[in-house]
């Protein structure tokens, strides 16, 4: 996956938005052992969405990505 990073573009600003939306330090600790805390799952899902969005922009099949983003934000 790292081989495609230069082709797909920089997702740092998207990752920052994820970290601002799902800041791990504000969540209470105390989860069950061996389970990923829900807040980490949300952050990682957001970050995976950044990568998916960059792939969609790279492919650019003509779909209205701004509308897709608006639907995700709503």
PDB file of N, CA and C in Angstrom:
ATOM      1  N   UNK A   1       0.818  -1.200   0.000  1.00  0.00           N
ATOM      2  CA  UNK A   1       0.000   0.000   0.000  1.00  0.00           C
ATOM      3  C   UNK A   1       0.859   1.262   0.000  1.00  0.00           C
ATOM      4  N   UNK A   2       2.039   1.200   0.619  1.00  0.00           N
ATOM      5  CA  UNK A   2       2.900   2.383   0.654  1.00  0.00           C
ATOM      6  C   UNK A   2       3.388   2.762  -0.733  1.00  0.00           C
ATOM      7  N   UNK A   3       3.456   1.791  -1.639  1.00  0.00           N
ATOM      8  CA  UNK A   3       3.912   2.063  -2.998  1.00  0.00           C
ATOM      9  C   UNK A   3       2.962   3.011  -3.720  1.00  0.00           C
ATOM     10  N   UNK A   4       1.700   3.012  -3.359  1.00  0.00           N
ATOM     11  CA  UNK A   4       0.713   3.848  -4.027  1.00  0.00           C
ATOM     12  C   UNK A   4       0.538   5.217  -3.384  1.00  0.00           C
ATOM     13  N   UNK A   5       1.131   5.437  -2.225  1.00  0.00           N
ATOM     14  CA  UNK A   5       0.937   6.699  -1.509  1.00  0.00           C
ATOM     15  C   UNK A   5       1.302   7.913  -2.352  1.00  0.00           C
ATOM     16  N   UNK A   6       2.413   7.845  -3.086  1.00  0.00           N
ATOM     17  CA  UNK A   6       2.828   8.996  -3.888  1.00  0.00           C
ATOM     18  C   UNK A   6       1.878   9.228  -5.056  1.00  0.00           C
ATOM     19  N   UNK A   7       1.277   8.171  -5.573  1.00  0.00           N
ATOM     20  CA  UNK A   7       0.349   8.290  -6.691  1.00  0.00           C
ATOM     21  C   UNK A   7      -1.007   8.808  -6.224  1.00  0.00           C
ATOM     22  N   UNK A   8      -1.454   8.350  -5.068  1.00  0.00           N
ATOM     23  CA  UNK A   8      -2.794   8.692  -4.591  1.00  0.00           C
ATOM     24  C   UNK A   8      -2.877  10.076  -3.976  1.00  0.00           C
ATOM     25  N   UNK A   9      -1.762  10.650  -3.605  1.00  0.00           N
ATOM     26  CA  UNK A   9      -1.780  11.992  -3.042  1.00  0.00           C
ATOM     27  C   UNK A   9      -1.700  11.988  -1.531  1.00  0.00           C
ATOM     28  N   UNK A  10      -1.528  13.172  -1.003  1.00  0.00           N
ATOM     29  CA  UNK A  10      -1.339  13.367   0.433  1.00  0.00           C
ATOM     30  C   UNK A  10      -2.692  13.400   1.138  1.00  0.00           C
ATOM     31  N   UNK A  11      -2.846  12.563   2.150  1.00  0.00           N
ATOM     32  CA  UNK A  11      -4.097  12.523   2.914  1.00  0.00           C
ATOM     33  C   UNK A  11      -3.920  13.108   4.313  1.00  0.00           C
ATOM     34  N   UNK A  12      -2.832  13.848   4.530  1.00  0.00           N
ATOM     35  CA  UNK A  12      -2.534  14.368   5.871  1.00  0.00           C
ATOM     36  C   UNK A  12      -3.636  15.282   6.388  1.00  0.00           C
ATOM     37  N   UNK A  13      -4.183  16.151   5.542  1.00  0.00           N
ATOM     38  CA  UNK A  13      -5.227  17.064   6.026  1.00  0.00           C
ATOM     39  C   UNK A  13      -6.490  16.296   6.401  1.00  0.00           C
ATOM     40  N   UNK A  14      -6.789  15.251   5.666  1.00  0.00           N
ATOM     41  CA  UNK A  14      -7.943  14.411   5.990  1.00  0.00           C
ATOM     42  C   UNK A  14      -7.708  13.684   7.309  1.00  0.00           C
ATOM     43  N   UNK A  15      -6.488  13.173   7.502  1.00  0.00           N
ATOM     44  CA  UNK A  15      -6.157  12.485   8.757  1.00  0.00           C
ATOM     45  C   UNK A  15      -6.233  13.449   9.941  1.00  0.00           C
ATOM     46  N   UNK A  16      -5.823  14.700   9.736  1.00  0.00           N
ATOM     47  CA  UNK A  16      -5.941  15.704  10.808  1.00  0.00           C
ATOM     48  C   UNK A  16      -7.406  15.941  11.156  1.00  0.00           C
ATOM     49  N   UNK A  17      -8.253  16.007  10.137  1.00  0.00           N
ATOM     50  CA  UNK A  17      -9.687  16.184  10.388  1.00  0.00           C
ATOM     51  C   UNK A  17     -10.237  15.004  11.184  1.00  0.00           C
ATOM     52  N   UNK A  18      -9.773  13.803  10.884  1.00  0.00           N
ATOM     53  CA  UNK A  18     -10.197  12.616  11.642  1.00  0.00           C
ATOM     54  C   UNK A  18      -9.765  12.734  13.098  1.00  0.00           C
ATOM     55  N   UNK A  19      -8.520  13.157  13.310  1.00  0.00           N
ATOM     56  CA  UNK A  19      -8.006  13.265  14.681  1.00  0.00           C
ATOM     57  C   UNK A  19      -8.728  14.354  15.465  1.00  0.00           C
ATOM     58  N   UNK A  20      -9.150  15.415  14.788  1.00  0.00           N
ATOM     59  CA  UNK A  20      -9.905  16.470  15.470  1.00  0.00           C
ATOM     60  C   UNK A  20     -11.323  16.010  15.785  1.00  0.00           C
ATOM     61  N   UNK A  21     -11.877  15.181  14.912  1.00  0.00           N
ATOM     62  CA  UNK A  21     -13.241  14.690  15.107  1.00  0.00           C
ATOM     63  C   UNK A  21     -13.303  13.565  16.132  1.00  0.00           C
ATOM     64  N   UNK A  22     -12.289  12.699  16.136  1.00  0.00           N
ATOM     65  CA  UNK A  22     -12.250  11.543  17.032  1.00  0.00           C
ATOM     66  C   UNK A  22     -10.969  11.563  17.866  1.00  0.00           C
ATOM     67  N   UNK A  23     -10.784  12.570  18.715  1.00  0.00           N
ATOM     68  CA  UNK A  23      -9.543  12.662  19.509  1.00  0.00           C
ATOM     69  C   UNK A  23      -9.513  11.585  20.592  1.00  0.00           C
ATOM     70  N   UNK A  24      -8.525  10.721  20.531  1.00  0.00           N
ATOM     71  CA  UNK A  24      -8.454   9.592  21.464  1.00  0.00           C
ATOM     72  C   UNK A  24      -8.244  10.034  22.903  1.00  0.00           C
ATOM     73  N   UNK A  25      -7.552  11.148  23.124  1.00  0.00           N
ATOM     74  CA  UNK A  25      -7.232  11.561  24.494  1.00  0.00           C
ATOM     75  C   UNK A  25      -8.444  12.057  25.272  1.00  0.00           C
ATOM     76  N   UNK A  26      -9.564  12.313  24.601  1.00  0.00           N
ATOM     77  CA  UNK A  26     -10.744  12.816  25.310  1.00  0.00           C
ATOM     78  C   UNK A  26     -11.695  11.704  25.731  1.00  0.00           C
ATOM     79  N   UNK A  27     -11.421  10.491  25.303  1.00  0.00           N
ATOM     80  CA  UNK A  27     -12.300   9.387  25.644  1.00  0.00           C
ATOM     81  C   UNK A  27     -11.861   8.738  26.951  1.00  0.00           C
ATOM     82  N   UNK A  28     -12.802   8.260  27.739  1.00  0.00           N
ATOM     83  CA  UNK A  28     -12.428   7.592  28.990  1.00  0.00           C
ATOM     84  C   UNK A  28     -11.727   6.270  28.715  1.00  0.00           C
ATOM     85  N   UNK A  29     -10.821   5.925  29.599  1.00  0.00           N
ATOM     86  CA  UNK A  29     -10.121   4.644  29.472  1.00  0.00           C
ATOM     87  C   UNK A  29     -10.933   3.584  30.200  1.00  0.00           C
ATOM     88  N   UNK A  30     -10.509   2.357  30.045  1.00  0.00           N
ATOM     89  CA  UNK A  30     -11.189   1.282  30.751  1.00  0.00           C
ATOM     90  C   UNK A  30     -12.002   0.403  29.839  1.00  0.00           C
ATOM     91  N   UNK A  31     -11.361  -0.131  28.831  1.00  0.00           N
ATOM     92  CA  UNK A  31     -12.069  -1.045  27.945  1.00  0.00           C
ATOM     93  C   UNK A  31     -11.672  -2.475  28.287  1.00  0.00           C
ATOM     94  N   UNK A  32     -12.376  -3.409  27.715  1.00  0.00           N
ATOM     95  CA  UNK A  32     -12.077  -4.816  27.963  1.00  0.00           C
ATOM     96  C   UNK A  32     -10.743  -5.164  27.308  1.00  0.00           C
ATOM     97  N   UNK A  33      -9.952  -6.011  27.946  1.00  0.00           N
ATOM     98  CA  UNK A  33      -8.667  -6.406  27.362  1.00  0.00           C
ATOM     99  C   UNK A  33      -8.862  -7.108  26.018  1.00  0.00           C
ATOM    100  N   UNK A  34      -7.914  -6.919  25.142  1.00  0.00           N
ATOM    101  CA  UNK A  34      -7.857  -7.559  23.832  1.00  0.00           C
ATOM    102  C   UNK A  34      -8.916  -7.045  22.864  1.00  0.00           C
ATOM    103  N   UNK A  35      -9.664  -6.041  23.226  1.00  0.00           N
ATOM    104  CA  UNK A  35     -10.627  -5.449  22.306  1.00  0.00           C
ATOM    105  C   UNK A  35     -10.164  -4.050  21.940  1.00  0.00           C
ATOM    106  N   UNK A  36     -10.393  -3.672  20.696  1.00  0.00           N
ATOM    107  CA  UNK A  36     -10.061  -2.314  20.273  1.00  0.00           C
ATOM    108  C   UNK A  36     -11.169  -1.401  20.783  1.00  0.00           C
ATOM    109  N   UNK A  37     -10.818  -0.359  21.521  1.00  0.00           N
ATOM    110  CA  UNK A  37     -11.844   0.561  22.014  1.00  0.00           C
ATOM    111  C   UNK A  37     -12.634   1.165  20.858  1.00  0.00           C
ATOM    112  N   UNK A  38     -13.929   1.397  21.040  1.00  0.00           N
ATOM    113  CA  UNK A  38     -14.769   1.931  19.961  1.00  0.00           C
ATOM    114  C   UNK A  38     -14.231   3.238  19.384  1.00  0.00           C
ATOM    115  N   UNK A  39     -13.663   4.096  20.232  1.00  0.00           N
ATOM    116  CA  UNK A  39     -13.165   5.370  19.723  1.00  0.00           C
ATOM    117  C   UNK A  39     -11.995   5.167  18.760  1.00  0.00           C
ATOM    118  N   UNK A  40     -11.182   4.140  18.981  1.00  0.00           N
ATOM    119  CA  UNK A  40     -10.094   3.855  18.043  1.00  0.00           C
ATOM    120  C   UNK A  40     -10.658   3.317  16.740  1.00  0.00           C
ATOM    121  N   UNK A  41     -11.694   2.496  16.823  1.00  0.00           N
ATOM    122  CA  UNK A  41     -12.325   1.979  15.610  1.00  0.00           C
ATOM    123  C   UNK A  41     -12.867   3.128  14.769  1.00  0.00           C
ATOM    124  N   UNK A  42     -13.487   4.113  15.417  1.00  0.00           N
ATOM    125  CA  UNK A  42     -14.027   5.261  14.689  1.00  0.00           C
ATOM    126  C   UNK A  42     -12.917   6.059  14.022  1.00  0.00           C
ATOM    127  N   UNK A  43     -11.828   6.296  14.740  1.00  0.00           N
ATOM    128  CA  UNK A  43     -10.701   7.034  14.178  1.00  0.00           C
ATOM    129  C   UNK A  43     -10.112   6.283  12.990  1.00  0.00           C
ATOM    130  N   UNK A  44      -9.883   4.988  13.138  1.00  0.00           N
ATOM    131  CA  UNK A  44      -9.284   4.211  12.056  1.00  0.00           C
ATOM    132  C   UNK A  44     -10.230   4.114  10.859  1.00  0.00           C
ATOM    133  N   UNK A  45     -11.526   4.019  11.106  1.00  0.00           N
ATOM    134  CA  UNK A  45     -12.490   4.002  10.002  1.00  0.00           C
ATOM    135  C   UNK A  45     -12.448   5.325   9.244  1.00  0.00           C
ATOM    136  N   UNK A  46     -12.346   6.420   9.970  1.00  0.00           N
ATOM    137  CA  UNK A  46     -12.245   7.735   9.344  1.00  0.00           C
ATOM    138  C   UNK A  46     -10.985   7.809   8.487  1.00  0.00           C
ATOM    139  N   UNK A  47      -9.871   7.320   9.020  1.00  0.00           N
ATOM    140  CA  UNK A  47      -8.608   7.355   8.282  1.00  0.00           C
ATOM    141  C   UNK A  47      -8.657   6.456   7.047  1.00  0.00           C
ATOM    142  N   UNK A  48      -9.323   5.326   7.149  1.00  0.00           N
ATOM    143  CA  UNK A  48      -9.485   4.468   5.967  1.00  0.00           C
ATOM    144  C   UNK A  48     -10.346   5.173   4.926  1.00  0.00           C
ATOM    145  N   UNK A  49     -11.319   5.945   5.397  1.00  0.00           N
ATOM    146  CA  UNK A  49     -12.140   6.731   4.477  1.00  0.00           C
ATOM    147  C   UNK A  49     -11.320   7.754   3.715  1.00  0.00           C
ATOM    148  N   UNK A  50     -10.309   8.320   4.379  1.00  0.00           N
ATOM    149  CA  UNK A  50      -9.403   9.260   3.701  1.00  0.00           C
ATOM    150  C   UNK A  50      -8.733   8.567   2.525  1.00  0.00           C
ATOM    151  N   UNK A  51      -8.256   7.374   2.761  1.00  0.00           N
ATOM    152  CA  UNK A  51      -7.573   6.624   1.693  1.00  0.00           C
ATOM    153  C   UNK A  51      -8.554   6.266   0.585  1.00  0.00           C
ATOM    154  N   UNK A  52      -9.750   5.832   0.951  1.00  0.00           N
ATOM    155  CA  UNK A  52     -10.758   5.499  -0.052  1.00  0.00           C
ATOM    156  C   UNK A  52     -11.096   6.719  -0.901  1.00  0.00           C
ATOM    157  N   UNK A  53     -11.269   7.863  -0.260  1.00  0.00           N
ATOM    158  CA  UNK A  53     -11.599   9.084  -0.990  1.00  0.00           C
ATOM    159  C   UNK A  53     -10.466   9.449  -1.949  1.00  0.00           C
ATOM    160  N   UNK A  54      -9.207   9.277  -1.530  1.00  0.00           N
ATOM    161  CA  UNK A  54      -8.085   9.596  -2.415  1.00  0.00           C
ATOM    162  C   UNK A  54      -8.039   8.631  -3.600  1.00  0.00           C
ATOM    163  N   UNK A  55      -8.409   7.366  -3.377  1.00  0.00           N
ATOM    164  CA  UNK A  55      -8.478   6.404  -4.482  1.00  0.00           C
ATOM    165  C   UNK A  55      -9.573   6.815  -5.453  1.00  0.00           C
ATOM    166  N   UNK A  56     -10.722   7.224  -4.931  1.00  0.00           N
ATOM    167  CA  UNK A  56     -11.824   7.670  -5.789  1.00  0.00           C
ATOM    168  C   UNK A  56     -11.416   8.886  -6.614  1.00  0.00           C
ATOM    169  N   UNK A  57     -10.698   9.812  -5.998  1.00  0.00           N
ATOM    170  CA  UNK A  57     -10.228  10.983  -6.737  1.00  0.00           C
ATOM    171  C   UNK A  57      -9.236  10.572  -7.814  1.00  0.00           C
ATOM    172  N   UNK A  58      -8.380   9.597  -7.528  1.00  0.00           N
ATOM    173  CA  UNK A  58      -7.399   9.125  -8.504  1.00  0.00           C
ATOM    174  C   UNK A  58      -8.101   8.482  -9.695  1.00  0.00           C
ATOM    175  N   UNK A  59      -9.085   7.647  -9.423  1.00  0.00           N
ATOM    176  CA  UNK A  59      -9.813   6.958 -10.483  1.00  0.00           C
ATOM    177  C   UNK A  59     -10.682   7.947 -11.251  1.00  0.00           C
ATOM    178  N   UNK A  60     -11.309   8.881 -10.534  1.00  0.00           N
ATOM    179  CA  UNK A  60     -12.157   9.936 -11.100  1.00  0.00           C
ATOM    180  C   UNK A  60     -13.049   9.407 -12.207  1.00  0.00           C
ATOM    181  N   UNK A  61     -14.022   8.625 -11.809  1.00  0.00           N
ATOM    182  CA  UNK A  61     -14.936   8.049 -12.789  1.00  0.00           C
ATOM    183  C   UNK A  61     -16.044   9.010 -13.192  1.00  0.00           C
ATOM    184  N   UNK A  62     -15.895  10.261 -12.844  1.00  0.00           N
ATOM    185  CA  UNK A  62     -16.885  11.257 -13.216  1.00  0.00           C
ATOM    186  C   UNK A  62     -17.979  11.441 -12.179  1.00  0.00           C
ATOM    187  N   UNK A  63     -17.951  10.656 -11.128  1.00  0.00           N
ATOM    188  CA  UNK A  63     -18.965  10.791 -10.077  1.00  0.00           C
ATOM    189  C   UNK A  63     -18.751  12.098  -9.328  1.00  0.00           C
ATOM    190  N   UNK A  64     -19.810  12.618  -8.798  1.00  0.00           N
ATOM    191  CA  UNK A  64     -19.738  13.871  -8.045  1.00  0.00           C
ATOM    192  C   UNK A  64     -19.252  13.576  -6.629  1.00  0.00           C
ATOM    193  N   UNK A  65     -17.934  13.683  -6.419  1.00  0.00           N
ATOM    194  CA  UNK A  65     -17.360  13.358  -5.112  1.00  0.00           C
ATOM    195  C   UNK A  65     -17.764  14.367  -4.050  1.00  0.00           C
ATOM    196  N   UNK A  66     -18.009  15.607  -4.445  1.00  0.00           N
ATOM    197  CA  UNK A  66     -18.436  16.592  -3.455  1.00  0.00           C
ATOM    198  C   UNK A  66     -19.790  16.215  -2.873  1.00  0.00           C
ATOM    199  N   UNK A  67     -20.685  15.702  -3.702  1.00  0.00           N
ATOM    200  CA  UNK A  67     -21.986  15.266  -3.195  1.00  0.00           C
ATOM    201  C   UNK A  67     -21.804  14.090  -2.239  1.00  0.00           C
ATOM    202  N   UNK A  68     -20.901  13.173  -2.582  1.00  0.00           N
ATOM    203  CA  UNK A  68     -20.620  12.035  -1.707  1.00  0.00           C
ATOM    204  C   UNK A  68     -20.104  12.517  -0.364  1.00  0.00           C
ATOM    205  N   UNK A  69     -19.188  13.485  -0.372  1.00  0.00           N
ATOM    206  CA  UNK A  69     -18.648  14.029   0.873  1.00  0.00           C
ATOM    207  C   UNK A  69     -19.757  14.691   1.682  1.00  0.00           C
ATOM    208  N   UNK A  70     -20.633  15.450   1.020  1.00  0.00           N
ATOM    209  CA  UNK A  70     -21.729  16.110   1.728  1.00  0.00           C
ATOM    210  C   UNK A  70     -22.648  15.083   2.381  1.00  0.00           C
ATOM    211  N   UNK A  71     -22.908  13.983   1.690  1.00  0.00           N
ATOM    212  CA  UNK A  71     -23.758  12.937   2.261  1.00  0.00           C
ATOM    213  C   UNK A  71     -23.085  12.277   3.457  1.00  0.00           C
ATOM    214  N   UNK A  72     -21.769  12.106   3.390  1.00  0.00           N
ATOM    215  CA  UNK A  72     -21.042  11.523   4.523  1.00  0.00           C
ATOM    216  C   UNK A  72     -21.056  12.463   5.720  1.00  0.00           C
ATOM    217  N   UNK A  73     -20.949  13.766   5.458  1.00  0.00           N
ATOM    218  CA  UNK A  73     -20.917  14.750   6.537  1.00  0.00           C
ATOM    219  C   UNK A  73     -22.276  14.940   7.193  1.00  0.00           C
ATOM    220  N   UNK A  74     -23.355  14.620   6.476  1.00  0.00           N
ATOM    221  CA  UNK A  74     -24.694  14.875   7.035  1.00  0.00           C
ATOM    222  C   UNK A  74     -25.117  13.837   8.040  1.00  0.00           C
TER     223      UNK A  74
END
